[in-house]
Protein backbone atom coordinates (compact mmCIF):
# COMPACT_ATOMS: atom_id res chain seq x y z
CA MET A 1 -1.13 68.16 109.47
CA ASP A 2 0.99 66.70 112.40
CA ILE A 3 3.17 63.50 112.24
CA ASN A 4 2.02 61.91 115.37
CA MET A 5 2.81 58.30 117.08
CA THR A 6 -0.13 56.91 115.34
CA LEU A 7 0.85 57.80 111.74
CA LEU A 8 4.70 56.66 113.05
CA GLY A 9 3.55 53.79 113.69
CA GLN A 10 1.53 53.14 110.97
CA MET A 11 4.42 53.79 108.88
CA ILE A 12 6.70 51.54 110.21
CA THR A 13 4.11 48.98 110.43
CA PHE A 14 3.50 48.99 107.32
CA MET A 15 7.26 49.07 106.41
CA LEU A 16 7.43 45.86 108.81
CA PHE A 17 4.44 44.93 106.45
CA ILE A 18 6.60 45.27 103.42
CA TRP A 19 9.57 43.72 104.26
CA PHE A 20 7.85 41.21 105.77
CA THR A 21 6.17 40.43 102.46
CA MET A 22 9.26 41.30 100.45
CA LYS A 23 11.24 38.14 102.56
CA PHE A 24 8.90 35.93 103.02
CA VAL A 25 5.70 35.91 101.12
CA TRP A 26 6.83 37.41 98.21
CA PRO A 27 9.73 34.53 96.75
CA PRO A 28 7.24 31.79 96.94
CA ILE A 29 4.51 33.65 94.86
CA THR A 30 7.68 35.03 92.92
CA ALA A 31 8.67 30.73 92.25
CA ALA A 32 5.21 30.04 92.32
CA MET A 33 4.89 32.24 89.16
CA ALA A 34 7.78 31.36 87.53
CA GLU A 35 7.49 27.62 87.89
CA ARG A 36 3.96 28.08 86.25
CA GLN A 37 5.69 30.19 83.59
CA LYS A 38 8.25 28.09 82.48
CA LYS A 39 5.85 24.69 83.02
CA ILE A 40 3.66 26.74 80.61
CA ALA A 41 6.42 27.46 78.11
CA ASP A 42 7.72 23.85 78.46
CA GLY A 43 3.72 22.96 77.77
CA LEU A 44 3.81 24.93 74.65
CA ALA A 45 7.46 23.56 73.45
CA ALA A 46 5.98 20.13 73.76
CA SER A 47 3.11 20.77 71.87
CA GLU A 48 4.94 22.21 68.66
CA ARG A 49 7.10 19.11 69.11
CA SER A 50 4.27 16.82 69.33
CA GLU A 51 2.58 18.92 66.48
CA GLU A 52 5.90 18.30 64.07
CA ALA A 53 6.05 14.63 64.69
CA LEU A 54 2.32 14.32 63.79
CA GLN A 55 3.46 15.79 60.75
CA GLU A 56 6.50 13.73 60.31
CA ALA A 57 4.40 10.52 61.23
CA GLN A 58 1.37 11.56 58.46
CA LEU A 59 4.09 11.63 55.92
CA LYS A 60 5.72 8.14 57.16
CA ALA A 61 2.09 7.14 56.97
CA LYS A 62 1.41 8.66 52.94
CA GLU A 63 4.38 6.81 52.03
CA ILE A 64 4.01 3.16 53.83
CA ILE A 65 0.44 3.53 51.98
CA LYS A 66 1.93 4.46 48.74
CA GLU A 67 4.47 1.36 49.08
CA ALA A 68 1.70 -0.83 50.00
CA GLN A 69 -0.52 0.34 47.22
CA ALA A 70 2.33 -0.51 45.20
CA GLN A 71 3.18 -4.47 46.56
CA ALA A 72 -0.47 -4.72 46.12
CA SER A 73 -0.38 -3.51 42.22
CA VAL A 74 2.44 -5.69 41.97
CA ILE A 75 1.28 -8.65 43.88
CA VAL A 76 -2.06 -8.00 41.84
CA ASP A 77 -0.43 -7.90 38.24
CA GLN A 78 1.37 -11.23 39.22
CA ALA A 79 -1.44 -13.03 40.21
CA ASN A 80 -3.56 -11.96 36.89
CA GLY A 81 -0.36 -13.11 35.41
CA ARG A 82 -0.33 -16.33 37.26
CA ALA A 83 -3.94 -16.91 36.56
CA THR A 84 -3.55 -16.67 32.84
CA MET A 85 -0.57 -18.95 32.80
CA ILE A 86 -2.79 -21.41 34.72
CA GLU A 87 -5.84 -20.90 32.47
CA THR A 88 -3.38 -20.90 28.64
CA GLU A 89 -1.75 -24.26 31.24
CA ALA A 90 -5.28 -25.58 31.42
CA LYS A 91 -6.43 -25.32 27.73
CA ASP A 92 -3.20 -26.52 26.44
CA GLU A 93 -4.12 -29.76 28.83
CA ALA A 94 -7.52 -30.20 27.67
CA VAL A 95 -6.86 -29.91 24.67
CA LYS A 96 -3.54 -32.82 25.10
CA ILE A 97 -6.48 -35.02 26.28
CA ALA A 98 -9.29 -34.63 23.88
CA ASP A 99 -7.09 -35.24 20.84
CA ARG A 100 -5.91 -39.12 22.68
CA VAL A 101 -9.35 -39.31 23.41
CA LYS A 102 -9.88 -38.56 19.66
CA ALA A 103 -7.54 -40.29 18.31
CA SER A 104 -8.46 -43.47 20.56
CA ALA A 105 -12.09 -42.98 19.52
CA GLN A 106 -10.79 -42.69 15.65
CA GLY A 107 -8.66 -45.88 16.45
CA GLU A 108 -11.77 -47.50 17.86
CA ILE A 109 -13.65 -46.37 15.38
CA GLU A 110 -11.42 -47.69 12.25
CA GLN A 111 -11.45 -51.26 14.21
CA GLN A 112 -14.59 -51.47 14.43
CA ILE A 113 -15.14 -50.83 10.82
CA PHE A 114 -12.66 -53.25 9.81
CA GLU A 115 -14.62 -55.75 11.63
CA ALA A 116 -17.79 -55.08 10.37
CA ARG A 117 -16.16 -55.24 6.67
CA GLU A 118 -14.87 -58.47 7.48
CA ASN A 119 -17.74 -60.16 8.70
CA LEU A 120 -20.21 -58.37 6.01
CA ARG A 121 -17.12 -60.52 4.04
CA HIS A 122 -17.79 -63.58 5.53
CA GLN A 123 -21.28 -63.41 5.46
CA VAL A 124 -21.31 -62.34 1.56
CA VAL A 125 -18.88 -65.38 1.19
CA GLU A 126 -21.00 -67.49 2.95
CA ILE A 127 -24.46 -66.24 1.36
CA ALA A 128 -22.67 -66.70 -2.34
CA LEU A 129 -21.87 -70.39 -1.37
CA LYS A 130 -25.14 -71.49 -0.66
CA GLY A 131 -26.48 -70.07 -3.38
CA THR A 132 -24.06 -71.59 -5.57
CA GLU A 133 -24.35 -74.91 -4.20
CA LYS A 134 -28.35 -74.69 -4.72
CA LEU A 135 -27.60 -74.00 -8.12
CA LEU A 136 -24.99 -76.16 -8.83
CA ALA A 137 -25.41 -78.53 -6.89
CA ARG A 138 -24.45 -81.49 -8.97
CA GLU A 139 -23.31 -79.98 -12.25
CA ILE A 140 -19.79 -78.46 -10.52
CA ASP A 141 -17.52 -80.05 -7.63
CA GLN A 142 -16.77 -78.35 -4.27
CA ALA A 143 -12.90 -77.22 -5.31
CA ALA A 144 -14.29 -75.39 -8.33
CA ASN A 145 -16.69 -73.99 -6.14
CA GLU A 146 -14.36 -72.84 -4.10
CA ASP A 147 -11.63 -71.52 -6.53
CA ILE A 148 -14.38 -69.51 -7.78
CA LEU A 149 -15.59 -68.11 -4.74
CA ASN A 150 -11.96 -67.12 -4.01
CA ALA A 151 -11.42 -65.30 -6.90
CA LEU A 152 -14.49 -63.32 -6.81
CA VAL A 153 -13.23 -62.52 -2.60
CA ALA A 154 -9.80 -61.64 -4.00
CA GLU A 155 -11.97 -59.06 -6.30
CA PHE A 156 -14.18 -58.36 -4.09
CA ASP A 157 -10.98 -57.16 -1.74
CA GLU A 158 -9.29 -54.85 -4.18
CA LYS A 159 -12.46 -52.63 -4.81
CA GLU A 160 -12.97 -52.19 -1.42
CA GLY A 161 -8.85 -51.30 -0.84
CA ALA A 162 -8.89 -49.34 -3.87
């Protein structure tokens, strides 16, 4: 094989091409590759950090939910207790009102019974007086009739009182 000028020119050109590529083309390519590699590594690291943050957030959310459930349970228990207390107070108040109404009605009934007895006594006395007047119109005087009737009324009152 002859080494001729063409081969020598091609070798020099190839060497220049390698030098030019190593000097001007290769550094930006390696820099771009390094930058891309760094971006990928940063992205992976950020992904890992975000996964950890997500897990922490999920744990915190579970804790907050548990606390909220506990608070809700306490609030429901307090509301139930208050409702029971209000119900008991309302029942007690209703019983008191019913007792007052009953006592008032009992007093009115007793008053009406007393008035009815008094009216009945007066009517009995009037009927007795009229009957006695007719029977004894001229035989006994008026004063004697009243004494007898008053004695009868007193006996009647004693029997009613007993």
